[in-house]
Each structure stands twice: as C-alpha cells, then as structure tokens.
C-alpha cells in the first residue's frame, strides 16, 4: 500500500457475527422452550422423568430408556424381589447399554445387559428380548449370597464379570430413584404428544401377562374391552388387571409397576390413558403428570378439575389404548 492509498477499514465482522450467532441461539432456545411448555397441554417433545418423593431427586429419560427401565423393574417385582435387586439391575443396564436394547457390543455381547451368547446367556433372539434378559440377570443375581447387603459394584460384578466393575457405582443414585418411581415411593411422568395412530391392546395385555404370569397376583380379562363414543364408533380398548383379594402389599406393588410400565411404553403401544387408584395419567395432557381425581360419578372436583369415569377402583390398573 502506497502513501496515497486510502487506509483500509478495520475488520469488525467477527464481533458482529458473534453477536448475531448468540441472538440466533437465544431465539432457538426461546422457541423450543415455548414449544416444550405449550404443545399438547405442556407435553412438548417426548420425555420421561422418574422421581423419588423421599429424596426429591429426578432422573430424565427418553421414552426408549423409560420403557426398558419399566420392563427391568416389572420383571423384578413379578419375581417378588426387593427394591435393592431392582436398583442393582437398573444400574447394571445403565452402565452396559444406557438402558437401550443394543443389537451389538463387545464381541458377541447384546441387549440391555450386554449378555453373551458364547457364555451361555441364551440365543441372540432371547437376549434381545428385554423380559428374558432381565429375568436371566435376576436369576443369576439371587444366586449371589447376601447380594442385597453387598456394595452394588460387587453384586453386579458377581453376575456380569465385567472388565470395569467399578463403573457400576456411578449409576447407583439414579438407579435408586428409578426403582422408587416404578416400585416404591416415587412416580414416573411422561410428556409428549398423544398417540395419533391406533394401538394394539392385545399386545399390551400379552406383554404384561407374560411378565406377571408366574406371580399370580392379578386377574386379567380374556380379551380387551372396547368402548364406543356417542356415534357408535370404537374409541378405546381397555385392558384391566385386578389385584386378587389376598394379594396384599405384593399385589399393590405389582399394580404400581404395571401402571408405570404402561405410561413408559405409551408412545410405542398407543396408550392414551392409565388409571391406578385415585390417579390418572392422560397422554398429551398436564405436562405428562398424574392427576388426582374424584370418585367415578361424584359431583365433587378432584385436582384435575373433574370426576373421572375412568378411575380405577378396588386395586385395579386400567389401561386405555387408542383405536
């Protein structure tokens, strides 16, 4: 540049671009926040949260993770195992697969617990079945002497024989919360859009019957009961599991985990409503939270603002599937 050349302007594009980028990012955050809190009564994107009342802690999960966690918990409850067994199983699956049913892994490892066909855990098809794989984990766990009193890492390692046994420990706090949400003093909430396509009530009935068949704590209808709207069109199909009179606390625990299983699997099964005791969960409403309701036919209003003819009575779990 010669002396007569005009001075070049200083470059200011980078700060301007940075500011523009920040503004765009903030706008996107604001947009998704509005969508999360406004879509379908506050449902937003599909998501689930397990919470424990005693600790006040919460664990966020995808619907896939929640569905798998629900199956692990349900299988343990159906076997009559304590919350400690559920916690050990959940923490193990969190470490091994992130609560995802993986079709691959180290060498021939597969599924939620990364079990190996070559080590006698079963066929590939069996291991990829969450009910089977969870059941096999528990079968091995109960053979560990004093497993409930062992540190979680030791109990899990006795079953898994992992190369990184200490890795299980970091998942214990969250596993405790998830176990409480499904089978103890906690709750599972799942938000997101309500199903728009018909579900398969027979599949819901079959899966829960398969899990709880040996526990013999509930009776289930021979086939789903379908209800019609005023125009005579089939609107929903209902699957109801009723606690046996002599089931006691074990049956009540089974009902709770059934209700949680139905909510966790609502997206894939087309479940639109789950009723358990005085509470009801409705897909796409109330940010995915359970609502306390008045007795069926009552004039008084419950927490949700109205009595609910779908309310579950006499120790039952009512699952309504879109048709």
Protein backbone atom coordinates (compact mmCIF):
# COMPACT_ATOMS: atom_id res chain seq x y z
CA UNK A 1 0.00 0.00 0.00
CA UNK A 2 1.44 3.45 -1.02
CA UNK A 3 1.11 6.67 0.95
CA UNK A 4 -1.65 7.88 -1.40
CA UNK A 5 -3.77 4.77 -0.93
CA UNK A 6 -6.75 5.25 1.38
CA UNK A 7 -6.49 3.44 4.71
CA UNK A 8 -8.24 0.10 4.84
CA UNK A 9 -11.17 -0.11 7.20
CA UNK A 10 -10.71 -2.21 10.31
CA UNK A 11 -12.44 -5.54 10.24
CA UNK A 12 -15.40 -5.63 12.64
CA UNK A 13 -17.22 -8.61 11.16
CA UNK A 14 -16.21 -11.14 13.77
CA UNK A 15 -17.84 -9.36 16.77
CA UNK A 16 -20.93 -8.68 14.68
CA UNK A 17 -21.11 -12.31 13.57
CA UNK A 18 -20.63 -13.48 17.16
CA UNK A 19 -23.47 -11.27 18.38
CA UNK A 20 -25.69 -12.47 15.56
CA UNK A 21 -24.91 -16.08 16.42
CA UNK A 22 -25.75 -15.52 20.09
CA UNK A 23 -29.05 -13.88 19.16
CA UNK A 24 -29.96 -16.78 16.88
CA UNK A 25 -29.07 -19.29 19.61
CA UNK A 26 -31.18 -17.42 22.18
CA UNK A 27 -34.08 -17.27 19.74
CA UNK A 28 -33.88 -21.03 19.18
CA UNK A 29 -33.74 -21.69 22.92
CA UNK A 30 -36.78 -19.49 23.42
CA UNK A 31 -38.65 -21.19 20.60
CA UNK A 32 -38.05 -24.70 21.92
CA UNK A 33 -38.90 -23.61 25.46
CA UNK A 34 -42.24 -22.30 24.25
CA UNK A 35 -42.86 -25.48 22.26
CA UNK A 36 -41.97 -27.63 25.27
CA UNK A 37 -44.41 -25.81 27.52
CA UNK A 38 -47.24 -25.28 25.08
CA UNK A 39 -47.58 -28.30 22.82
CA UNK A 40 -50.31 -30.73 23.83
CA UNK A 41 -51.05 -29.16 27.18
CA UNK A 42 -47.40 -28.75 28.02
CA UNK A 43 -46.31 -32.15 26.71
CA UNK A 44 -43.69 -30.90 24.27
CA UNK A 45 -41.19 -33.39 22.91
CA UNK A 46 -41.48 -36.98 24.17
CA UNK A 47 -39.68 -37.31 27.51
CA UNK A 48 -40.00 -39.14 30.83
CA UNK A 49 -38.91 -38.30 34.37
CA UNK A 50 -38.56 -40.71 37.27
CA UNK A 51 -38.76 -39.08 40.69
CA UNK A 52 -38.46 -40.21 44.31
CA UNK A 53 -40.57 -38.42 46.92
CA UNK A 54 -38.22 -39.07 49.85
CA UNK A 55 -35.17 -37.52 48.21
CA UNK A 56 -36.88 -35.14 45.80
CA UNK A 57 -34.46 -36.24 43.10
CA UNK A 58 -35.42 -36.76 39.47
CA UNK A 59 -33.92 -38.66 36.54
CA UNK A 60 -34.74 -37.72 32.95
CA UNK A 61 -35.01 -40.45 30.32
CA UNK A 62 -36.05 -40.89 26.72
CA UNK A 63 -39.21 -42.97 26.13
CA UNK A 64 -36.96 -45.82 24.95
CA UNK A 65 -34.93 -45.74 28.16
CA UNK A 66 -38.05 -45.44 30.32
CA UNK A 67 -39.68 -48.39 28.57
CA UNK A 68 -36.66 -50.60 29.15
CA UNK A 69 -36.32 -49.46 32.75
CA UNK A 70 -40.01 -50.26 33.27
CA UNK A 71 -39.53 -53.79 31.98
CA UNK A 72 -36.49 -54.37 34.20
CA UNK A 73 -38.42 -53.13 37.23
CA UNK A 74 -41.57 -55.09 36.34
CA UNK A 75 -39.70 -58.36 35.92
CA UNK A 76 -38.05 -57.89 39.32
CA UNK A 77 -41.36 -57.10 41.02
CA UNK A 78 -43.04 -60.07 39.33
CA UNK A 79 -40.32 -62.28 40.80
CA UNK A 80 -41.02 -60.87 44.26
CA UNK A 81 -37.59 -59.27 44.58
CA UNK A 82 -36.83 -56.23 46.78
CA UNK A 83 -36.06 -52.72 45.57
CA UNK A 84 -32.35 -53.40 46.11
CA UNK A 85 -32.42 -56.06 43.39
CA UNK A 86 -34.15 -53.60 41.03
CA UNK A 87 -31.54 -50.96 41.80
CA UNK A 88 -28.67 -53.35 41.04
CA UNK A 89 -30.27 -54.46 37.77
CA UNK A 90 -31.05 -50.90 36.65
CA UNK A 91 -27.56 -49.61 37.46
CA UNK A 92 -26.04 -52.52 35.57
CA UNK A 93 -28.14 -51.87 32.46
CA UNK A 94 -27.38 -48.15 32.67
CA UNK A 95 -23.67 -48.89 32.54
CA UNK A 96 -23.80 -51.69 29.98
CA UNK A 97 -26.21 -50.19 27.44
CA UNK A 98 -27.50 -46.83 28.65
CA UNK A 99 -30.90 -48.58 29.05
CA UNK A 100 -31.00 -49.28 25.32
CA UNK A 101 -31.60 -52.69 23.79
CA UNK A 102 -28.42 -52.73 21.70
CA UNK A 103 -28.08 -55.24 18.84
CA UNK A 104 -24.28 -55.11 19.16
CA UNK A 105 -21.46 -54.82 21.68
CA UNK A 106 -18.03 -56.12 22.63
CA UNK A 107 -17.51 -59.40 20.81
CA UNK A 108 -20.88 -61.18 20.94
CA UNK A 109 -22.42 -59.01 23.68
CA UNK A 110 -26.04 -57.95 23.08
CA UNK A 111 -29.05 -56.29 24.63
CA UNK A 112 -29.73 -54.31 27.79
CA UNK A 113 -27.17 -56.15 29.90
CA UNK A 114 -24.72 -56.93 27.09
CA UNK A 115 -25.08 -60.64 27.71
CA UNK A 116 -23.07 -63.01 25.53
CA UNK A 117 -24.36 -65.98 23.59
CA UNK A 118 -20.96 -67.69 23.91
CA UNK A 119 -21.17 -67.50 27.71
CA UNK A 120 -24.45 -69.35 27.92
CA UNK A 121 -26.84 -66.42 28.41
CA UNK A 122 -29.10 -67.60 25.58
CA UNK A 123 -29.63 -67.18 21.86
CA UNK A 124 -29.40 -63.80 20.17
CA UNK A 125 -33.19 -63.68 19.90
CA UNK A 126 -33.63 -64.45 23.58
CA UNK A 127 -31.06 -61.90 24.75
CA UNK A 128 -32.68 -59.19 22.61
CA UNK A 129 -35.95 -59.79 24.47
CA UNK A 130 -35.87 -57.37 27.47
CA UNK A 131 -38.17 -59.60 29.54
CA UNK A 132 -35.91 -62.60 29.02
CA UNK A 133 -32.62 -60.75 29.55
CA UNK A 134 -33.86 -59.05 32.73
CA UNK A 135 -35.12 -62.37 34.03
CA UNK A 136 -31.77 -64.04 33.40
CA UNK A 137 -29.95 -61.24 35.20
CA UNK A 138 -32.16 -61.63 38.27
CA UNK A 139 -31.82 -65.42 38.18
CA UNK A 140 -28.05 -65.04 38.45
CA UNK A 141 -28.26 -62.22 41.00
CA UNK A 142 -30.31 -64.17 43.53
CA UNK A 143 -27.67 -66.90 43.46
CA UNK A 144 -25.14 -64.40 44.86
CA UNK A 145 -25.06 -64.99 48.61
CA UNK A 146 -26.12 -61.87 50.53
CA UNK A 147 -26.36 -59.79 47.36
CA UNK A 148 -28.72 -57.27 48.98
CA UNK A 149 -26.09 -56.39 51.58
CA UNK A 150 -23.15 -56.17 49.20
CA UNK A 151 -21.90 -52.93 47.64
CA UNK A 152 -23.66 -52.53 44.30
CA UNK A 153 -20.45 -52.91 42.33
CA UNK A 154 -19.68 -56.26 43.97
CA UNK A 155 -23.18 -57.64 43.47
CA UNK A 156 -23.29 -56.54 39.82
CA UNK A 157 -19.80 -57.86 39.15
CA UNK A 158 -20.67 -61.29 40.52
CA UNK A 159 -23.23 -61.51 37.73
CA UNK A 160 -21.55 -59.63 34.90
CA UNK A 161 -17.83 -60.40 35.30
CA UNK A 162 -17.02 -57.05 33.72
CA UNK A 163 -13.55 -55.72 32.99
CA UNK A 164 -14.58 -52.43 34.63
CA UNK A 165 -16.52 -53.41 37.76
CA UNK A 166 -16.19 -50.04 39.50
CA UNK A 167 -18.12 -48.35 36.68
CA UNK A 168 -21.45 -49.59 38.06
CA UNK A 169 -21.17 -47.44 41.19
CA UNK A 170 -21.69 -44.11 39.44
CA UNK A 171 -25.19 -45.15 38.36
CA UNK A 172 -26.44 -46.18 41.79
CA UNK A 173 -28.02 -42.84 42.85
CA UNK A 174 -30.07 -42.60 39.67
CA UNK A 175 -30.96 -46.31 39.77
CA UNK A 176 -32.35 -45.84 43.30
CA UNK A 177 -34.62 -43.06 42.03
CA UNK A 178 -35.83 -45.08 39.04
CA UNK A 179 -36.57 -48.12 41.23
CA UNK A 180 -38.58 -45.90 43.59
CA UNK A 181 -40.52 -44.41 40.67
CA UNK A 182 -41.69 -47.80 39.45
CA UNK A 183 -41.99 -49.85 42.62
CA UNK A 184 -41.59 -47.63 45.67
CA UNK A 185 -42.25 -44.17 47.00
CA UNK A 186 -41.90 -42.36 43.68
CA UNK A 187 -43.55 -41.63 40.37
CA UNK A 188 -42.94 -41.77 36.63
CA UNK A 189 -44.23 -38.94 34.46
CA UNK A 190 -44.05 -38.96 30.66
CA UNK A 191 -44.92 -36.00 28.47
CA UNK A 192 -45.26 -35.58 24.75
CA UNK A 193 -47.92 -35.71 22.05
CA UNK A 194 -50.81 -38.12 22.46
CA UNK A 195 -50.80 -41.11 20.08
CA UNK A 196 -52.48 -40.36 16.76
CA UNK A 197 -52.49 -43.92 15.40
CA UNK A 198 -54.40 -46.90 16.82
CA UNK A 199 -52.51 -49.05 19.29
CA UNK A 200 -52.58 -52.77 19.94
CA UNK A 201 -54.40 -53.57 23.20
CA UNK A 202 -53.78 -57.29 22.76
CA UNK A 203 -50.04 -56.65 22.75
CA UNK A 204 -50.35 -54.66 25.98
CA UNK A 205 -52.29 -57.48 27.60
CA UNK A 206 -49.90 -60.14 26.29
CA UNK A 207 -46.74 -58.39 27.43
CA UNK A 208 -47.96 -57.67 30.95
CA UNK A 209 -49.41 -61.17 31.26
CA UNK A 210 -46.09 -62.62 30.12
CA UNK A 211 -44.23 -60.65 32.79
CA UNK A 212 -46.62 -61.32 35.65
CA UNK A 213 -47.97 -64.78 34.75
CA UNK A 214 -45.99 -66.61 37.43
CA UNK A 215 -46.69 -64.07 40.18
CA UNK A 216 -50.43 -64.90 40.13
CA UNK A 217 -51.25 -61.64 41.95
CA UNK A 218 -53.69 -60.28 39.36
CA UNK A 219 -56.52 -61.40 37.14
CA UNK A 220 -56.79 -60.10 33.60
CA UNK A 221 -59.70 -60.12 31.14
CA UNK A 222 -59.70 -62.79 28.45
CA UNK A 223 -59.60 -60.01 25.84
CA UNK A 224 -59.55 -56.21 25.79
CA UNK A 225 -62.89 -54.47 26.31
CA UNK A 226 -63.73 -51.88 23.65
CA UNK A 227 -65.76 -48.75 24.33
CA UNK A 228 -67.73 -46.67 21.85
CA UNK A 229 -68.44 -42.97 21.54
CA UNK A 230 -71.91 -41.44 21.11
CA UNK A 231 -71.85 -42.18 17.38
CA UNK A 232 -71.15 -45.87 17.99
CA UNK A 233 -67.54 -45.68 16.82
CA UNK A 234 -64.98 -47.68 18.78
CA UNK A 235 -62.84 -45.09 20.52
CA UNK A 236 -60.69 -47.00 23.01
CA UNK A 237 -59.87 -50.54 24.05
CA UNK A 238 -59.41 -51.17 27.76
CA UNK A 239 -57.06 -53.67 29.36
CA UNK A 240 -57.67 -54.08 33.11
CA UNK A 241 -55.64 -56.01 35.66
CA UNK A 242 -57.30 -56.53 39.04
CA UNK A 243 -55.45 -57.39 42.24
CA UNK A 244 -56.51 -60.61 43.93
CA UNK A 245 -58.10 -60.08 47.33
CA UNK A 246 -55.34 -61.90 49.20
CA UNK A 247 -52.54 -60.21 47.22
CA UNK A 248 -51.73 -57.66 49.90
CA UNK A 249 -48.70 -55.38 49.56
CA UNK A 250 -47.13 -57.56 46.87
CA UNK A 251 -50.14 -57.17 44.59
CA UNK A 252 -50.25 -53.41 45.21
CA UNK A 253 -46.57 -53.18 44.30
CA UNK A 254 -47.30 -55.13 41.14
CA UNK A 255 -50.12 -52.76 40.22
CA UNK A 256 -47.88 -49.75 40.65
CA UNK A 257 -45.17 -51.10 38.38
CA UNK A 258 -47.82 -52.16 35.81
CA UNK A 259 -49.15 -48.61 35.71
CA UNK A 260 -45.62 -47.23 35.31
CA UNK A 261 -44.88 -49.75 32.58
CA UNK A 262 -47.98 -48.68 30.65
CA UNK A 263 -47.02 -44.99 30.88
CA UNK A 264 -43.41 -45.64 29.90
CA UNK A 265 -44.50 -47.68 26.88
CA UNK A 266 -47.43 -45.45 25.93
CA UNK A 267 -45.76 -43.99 22.86
CA UNK A 268 -44.99 -47.36 21.29
CA UNK A 269 -48.19 -49.11 22.40
CA UNK A 270 -50.71 -46.36 21.60
CA UNK A 271 -51.73 -45.96 25.24
CA UNK A 272 -53.83 -42.82 25.76
CA UNK A 273 -54.75 -43.17 29.44
CA UNK A 274 -53.66 -45.11 32.52
CA UNK A 275 -55.66 -45.18 35.75
CA UNK A 276 -54.36 -46.56 39.03
CA UNK A 277 -56.11 -45.92 42.33
CA UNK A 278 -57.33 -42.33 42.61
CA UNK A 279 -54.88 -41.05 39.98
CA UNK A 280 -54.94 -40.95 36.21
CA UNK A 281 -52.36 -40.23 33.52
CA UNK A 282 -53.56 -38.94 30.15
CA UNK A 283 -51.27 -38.75 27.12
CA UNK A 284 -50.63 -35.22 25.89
CA UNK A 285 -52.11 -33.52 28.95
CA UNK A 286 -50.92 -31.88 32.19
CA UNK A 287 -47.26 -31.99 31.13
CA UNK A 288 -47.34 -35.75 31.49
CA UNK A 289 -48.10 -35.64 35.21
CA UNK A 290 -50.51 -37.87 37.13
CA UNK A 291 -53.71 -36.17 38.25
CA UNK A 292 -55.69 -36.94 41.41
CA UNK A 293 -59.35 -37.39 40.58
CA UNK A 294 -62.66 -37.71 42.38
CA UNK A 295 -64.60 -40.97 42.53
CA UNK A 296 -66.44 -42.06 39.41
CA UNK A 297 -69.82 -40.35 39.24
CA UNK A 298 -69.03 -37.95 42.11
CA UNK A 299 -70.10 -34.34 41.93
CA UNK A 300 -67.01 -33.03 43.67
CA UNK A 301 -63.98 -32.00 41.70
CA UNK A 302 -60.53 -33.52 42.08
CA UNK A 303 -57.14 -32.00 41.37
CA UNK A 304 -57.68 -32.30 37.60
CA UNK A 305 -60.91 -30.33 37.84
CA UNK A 306 -63.49 -33.07 37.33
CA UNK A 307 -64.55 -36.55 38.39
CA UNK A 308 -63.24 -39.29 36.14
CA UNK A 309 -65.32 -42.22 34.88
CA UNK A 310 -62.01 -43.91 34.01
CA UNK A 311 -60.94 -44.02 37.66
CA UNK A 312 -59.55 -47.37 38.79
CA UNK A 313 -61.26 -48.98 41.76
CA UNK A 314 -60.67 -51.97 44.01
CA UNK A 315 -56.96 -52.37 43.40
CA UNK A 316 -57.05 -52.36 39.62
CA UNK A 317 -54.94 -50.92 36.81
CA UNK A 318 -56.89 -49.71 33.78
CA UNK A 319 -55.00 -49.15 30.54
CA UNK A 320 -56.80 -47.48 27.62
CA UNK A 321 -55.41 -47.92 24.10
CA UNK A 322 -56.32 -45.73 21.10
CA UNK A 323 -58.45 -47.40 18.41
